[in-house]
Amino acid sequence: MPDPERSPERLSVLVVDDHDVVHWGFRLMLTQQPWVERCLSAHSGRHAVALAVRYRPHVALVDLFIGEESGAEICEQIRAAEPNTRVLLFSGAGEISPQAARAAGASGFAYKDWPARRIASAVRLVGMGRTLFERHDRQGALGLSDRERAVLELMASGSTNPEIAQALHLSKHTVKEHTSAVYRKLGVRNRTEAVQRAQRLGLFV
């Protein structure tokens, strides 16, 4: 239930990310906005929940990947601890489907490569009760080619490299190159992690 004492004109913002330079950049940008009353920083899910309970921010800007933690899971934890805090997920290394983001309780998704003014606008819109889901082309957002996505989908089905090579009419060496590219672009170390991250990003939706 909305709190009548919480003014939508001056917003309190919580930034959740594991990189100091990101906090510095967002704090610098947000504190210059006349509609921002306070900018808080958290480097982990546990810290974010504690700050959300203590300060009850209007909106939390949560990175999709915070170390080994899932931004979507942190979103769920924040919303459970402080339902009046709305969450805007953001990332520079991937995306999450609107369905998965909404299921986690998020009200929007932003990209780190957006201009500062656009990110600030997204924070304000979500903080004022709006939703913001603008889909990017997944290939463009993740840098995966059509062939690499095909390899990833076959990985998810449990196919071995020789089976992938046969299905896509490629050499085993070429499949290995595509597999290495998928790992690098998703920021993972092996097949299991690649499939798990792709599922978290909503690539198989």
Protein backbone atom coordinates (compact mmCIF):
# COMPACT_ATOMS: atom_id res chain seq x y z
CA MET A 1 0.00 0.00 0.00
CA PRO A 2 1.53 3.38 -0.98
CA ASP A 3 2.74 5.55 1.90
CA PRO A 4 1.18 9.06 1.76
CA GLU A 5 4.24 10.51 3.51
CA ARG A 6 6.53 9.47 0.67
CA SER A 7 6.67 12.40 -1.77
CA PRO A 8 7.19 11.42 -5.42
CA GLU A 9 8.67 14.85 -6.13
CA ARG A 10 11.91 14.27 -4.21
CA LEU A 11 13.18 10.74 -4.60
CA SER A 12 15.53 8.68 -2.48
CA VAL A 13 17.60 6.34 -4.69
CA LEU A 14 19.57 3.22 -3.74
CA VAL A 15 22.33 2.12 -6.15
CA VAL A 16 23.31 -1.56 -5.88
CA ASP A 17 26.51 -2.56 -7.69
CA ASP A 18 29.82 -4.22 -6.82
CA HIS A 19 32.06 -1.65 -8.56
CA ASP A 20 33.14 1.56 -6.83
CA VAL A 21 33.46 3.47 -10.12
CA VAL A 22 29.81 2.70 -10.95
CA HIS A 23 28.72 4.03 -7.56
CA TRP A 24 30.82 7.13 -8.05
CA GLY A 25 29.37 7.78 -11.51
CA PHE A 26 25.75 7.25 -10.51
CA ARG A 27 26.12 9.26 -7.31
CA LEU A 28 27.65 12.14 -9.25
CA MET A 29 24.88 12.02 -11.86
CA LEU A 30 21.95 11.54 -9.51
CA THR A 31 22.89 14.08 -6.85
CA GLN A 32 22.90 16.74 -9.58
CA GLN A 33 19.22 16.06 -10.29
CA PRO A 34 16.86 18.50 -8.52
CA TRP A 35 14.38 15.68 -7.91
CA VAL A 36 16.87 13.45 -6.01
CA GLU A 37 16.75 13.87 -2.24
CA ARG A 38 19.27 11.17 -1.28
CA CYS A 39 21.54 8.67 -3.05
CA LEU A 40 22.49 5.52 -1.14
CA SER A 41 25.05 2.86 -2.12
CA ALA A 42 25.16 -0.89 -1.52
CA HIS A 43 27.75 -3.39 -2.75
CA SER A 44 25.86 -6.62 -2.00
CA GLY A 45 22.37 -7.99 -1.72
CA ARG A 46 22.53 -8.17 2.07
CA HIS A 47 23.69 -4.56 2.31
CA ALA A 48 21.00 -3.47 -0.16
CA VAL A 49 18.21 -5.08 1.86
CA ALA A 50 19.51 -3.53 5.09
CA LEU A 51 19.56 -0.05 3.53
CA ALA A 52 16.13 -0.56 1.96
CA VAL A 53 14.64 -1.45 5.35
CA ARG A 54 16.39 1.43 7.12
CA TYR A 55 15.91 4.25 4.60
CA ARG A 56 12.93 3.03 2.52
CA PRO A 57 14.17 4.46 -0.81
CA HIS A 58 11.65 5.18 -3.54
CA VAL A 59 13.70 3.29 -6.14
CA ALA A 60 16.65 0.89 -6.15
CA LEU A 61 18.93 0.76 -9.20
CA VAL A 62 20.23 -2.83 -9.16
CA ASP A 63 22.92 -4.30 -11.43
CA LEU A 64 21.90 -7.57 -13.05
CA PHE A 65 25.15 -9.24 -11.94
CA ILE A 66 26.71 -8.35 -8.59
CA GLY A 67 29.70 -10.60 -8.08
CA GLU A 68 28.26 -14.09 -7.76
CA GLU A 69 24.82 -12.73 -6.87
CA SER A 70 21.84 -12.36 -9.18
CA GLY A 71 20.38 -8.88 -9.44
CA ALA A 72 16.97 -10.44 -10.03
CA GLU A 73 17.22 -12.32 -6.72
CA ILE A 74 18.34 -9.15 -4.93
CA CYS A 75 15.33 -7.42 -6.47
CA GLU A 76 13.05 -10.05 -4.94
CA GLN A 77 14.73 -9.64 -1.54
CA ILE A 78 14.40 -5.85 -1.59
CA ARG A 79 10.75 -6.01 -2.63
CA ALA A 80 10.01 -8.57 0.09
CA ALA A 81 11.72 -6.46 2.77
CA GLU A 82 10.40 -3.07 1.60
CA PRO A 83 7.44 -3.39 -0.83
CA ASN A 84 7.26 0.38 -1.39
CA THR A 85 10.73 0.41 -2.94
CA ARG A 86 10.51 -0.05 -6.70
CA VAL A 87 13.42 -1.65 -8.57
CA LEU A 88 15.08 -0.69 -11.85
CA LEU A 89 17.46 -3.43 -13.01
CA PHE A 90 20.38 -2.42 -15.21
CA SER A 91 23.35 -4.04 -16.92
CA GLY A 92 26.17 -3.49 -19.35
CA ALA A 93 26.88 -7.16 -20.00
CA GLY A 94 23.51 -8.66 -20.79
CA GLU A 95 19.79 -8.37 -20.34
CA ILE A 96 16.82 -10.11 -18.78
CA SER A 97 13.48 -10.67 -20.44
CA PRO A 98 10.64 -8.38 -19.33
CA GLN A 99 8.74 -11.46 -18.15
CA ALA A 100 11.60 -12.59 -15.89
CA ALA A 101 12.22 -9.05 -14.63
CA ARG A 102 8.55 -8.56 -13.77
CA ALA A 103 8.46 -11.97 -12.07
CA ALA A 104 11.33 -10.82 -9.85
CA GLY A 105 9.37 -7.69 -8.95
CA ALA A 106 11.29 -5.18 -11.09
CA SER A 107 9.55 -2.20 -12.64
CA GLY A 108 12.05 -1.63 -15.43
CA PHE A 109 15.37 -2.38 -17.08
CA ALA A 110 18.08 0.06 -18.21
CA TYR A 111 21.40 -0.32 -20.04
CA LYS A 112 24.72 1.10 -18.82
CA ASP A 113 25.53 2.32 -22.32
CA TRP A 114 22.51 4.65 -22.32
CA PRO A 115 23.27 8.39 -22.08
CA ALA A 116 23.31 9.65 -18.48
CA ARG A 117 20.21 11.76 -19.07
CA ARG A 118 18.26 8.72 -20.27
CA ILE A 119 19.28 6.62 -17.26
CA ALA A 120 18.34 9.44 -14.90
CA SER A 121 14.95 9.71 -16.62
CA ALA A 122 14.42 5.94 -16.21
CA VAL A 123 15.23 6.15 -12.49
CA ARG A 124 12.76 9.00 -12.05
CA LEU A 125 9.98 7.28 -14.00
CA VAL A 126 10.29 4.06 -12.03
CA GLY A 127 10.56 5.96 -8.76
CA MET A 128 7.31 7.77 -9.59
CA GLY A 129 5.45 4.51 -10.19
CA ARG A 130 5.92 3.94 -13.92
CA THR A 131 7.33 0.86 -15.65
CA LEU A 132 10.05 0.89 -18.29
CA PHE A 133 10.92 -2.11 -20.45
CA GLU A 134 12.54 -1.28 -23.78
CA ARG A 135 13.81 -4.36 -25.55
CA HIS A 136 17.16 -4.27 -27.30
CA ASP A 137 18.04 -6.72 -29.99
CA ARG A 138 19.61 -9.55 -28.03
CA GLN A 139 22.40 -10.04 -30.54
CA GLY A 140 23.28 -6.37 -30.22
CA ALA A 141 22.97 -6.38 -26.46
CA LEU A 142 25.07 -9.46 -25.86
CA GLY A 143 27.26 -9.47 -28.94
CA LEU A 144 26.24 -13.04 -29.80
CA SER A 145 26.04 -13.90 -33.48
CA ASP A 146 23.21 -16.03 -34.84
CA ARG A 147 25.60 -18.98 -35.08
CA GLU A 148 26.80 -18.51 -31.50
CA ARG A 149 23.21 -18.38 -30.27
CA ALA A 150 22.47 -21.59 -32.18
CA VAL A 151 25.46 -23.24 -30.50
CA LEU A 152 24.25 -21.97 -27.11
CA GLU A 153 20.75 -23.34 -27.65
CA LEU A 154 22.18 -26.75 -28.57
CA MET A 155 24.37 -26.64 -25.46
CA ALA A 156 21.23 -26.05 -23.41
CA SER A 157 19.61 -29.10 -25.00
CA GLY A 158 22.53 -31.22 -23.80
CA SER A 159 24.24 -31.73 -27.16
CA THR A 160 27.96 -32.48 -27.15
CA ASN A 161 30.38 -30.55 -29.35
CA PRO A 162 30.48 -33.35 -31.98
CA GLU A 163 26.67 -33.42 -31.99
CA ILE A 164 26.54 -29.62 -32.36
CA ALA A 165 29.02 -29.83 -35.23
CA GLN A 166 26.85 -32.39 -36.98
CA ALA A 167 23.61 -30.49 -36.38
CA LEU A 168 25.01 -27.20 -37.70
CA HIS A 169 27.22 -28.74 -40.41
CA LEU A 170 30.37 -27.30 -38.89
CA SER A 171 33.80 -28.68 -38.09
CA LYS A 172 34.58 -29.58 -34.47
CA HIS A 173 37.24 -26.86 -34.47
CA THR A 174 34.71 -24.21 -35.55
CA VAL A 175 32.27 -25.32 -32.86
CA LYS A 176 35.04 -25.03 -30.28
CA GLU A 177 35.73 -21.46 -31.45
CA HIS A 178 32.04 -20.56 -31.23
CA THR A 179 31.83 -22.13 -27.76
CA SER A 180 34.82 -20.11 -26.54
CA ALA A 181 33.23 -16.93 -27.93
CA VAL A 182 29.97 -17.68 -26.11
CA TYR A 183 31.83 -18.17 -22.82
CA ARG A 184 33.74 -14.92 -23.27
CA LYS A 185 30.69 -12.84 -24.20
CA LEU A 186 28.57 -14.22 -21.37
CA GLY A 187 31.44 -13.90 -18.89
CA VAL A 188 31.40 -17.57 -17.88
CA ARG A 189 33.93 -20.40 -17.66
CA ASN A 190 32.11 -23.50 -18.83
CA ARG A 191 29.02 -24.96 -20.48
CA THR A 192 26.97 -25.24 -17.29
CA GLU A 193 27.57 -21.60 -16.36
CA ALA A 194 26.77 -20.51 -19.94
CA VAL A 195 23.40 -22.24 -19.89
CA GLN A 196 22.57 -20.95 -16.41
CA ARG A 197 23.43 -17.37 -17.33
CA ALA A 198 21.49 -17.57 -20.59
CA GLN A 199 18.47 -18.79 -18.63
CA ARG A 200 18.82 -15.92 -16.14
CA LEU A 201 19.01 -13.47 -19.04
CA GLY A 202 15.86 -14.91 -20.56
CA LEU A 203 17.56 -15.95 -23.80
CA PHE A 204 15.50 -19.11 -24.04
CA VAL A 205 12.11 -17.44 -23.40
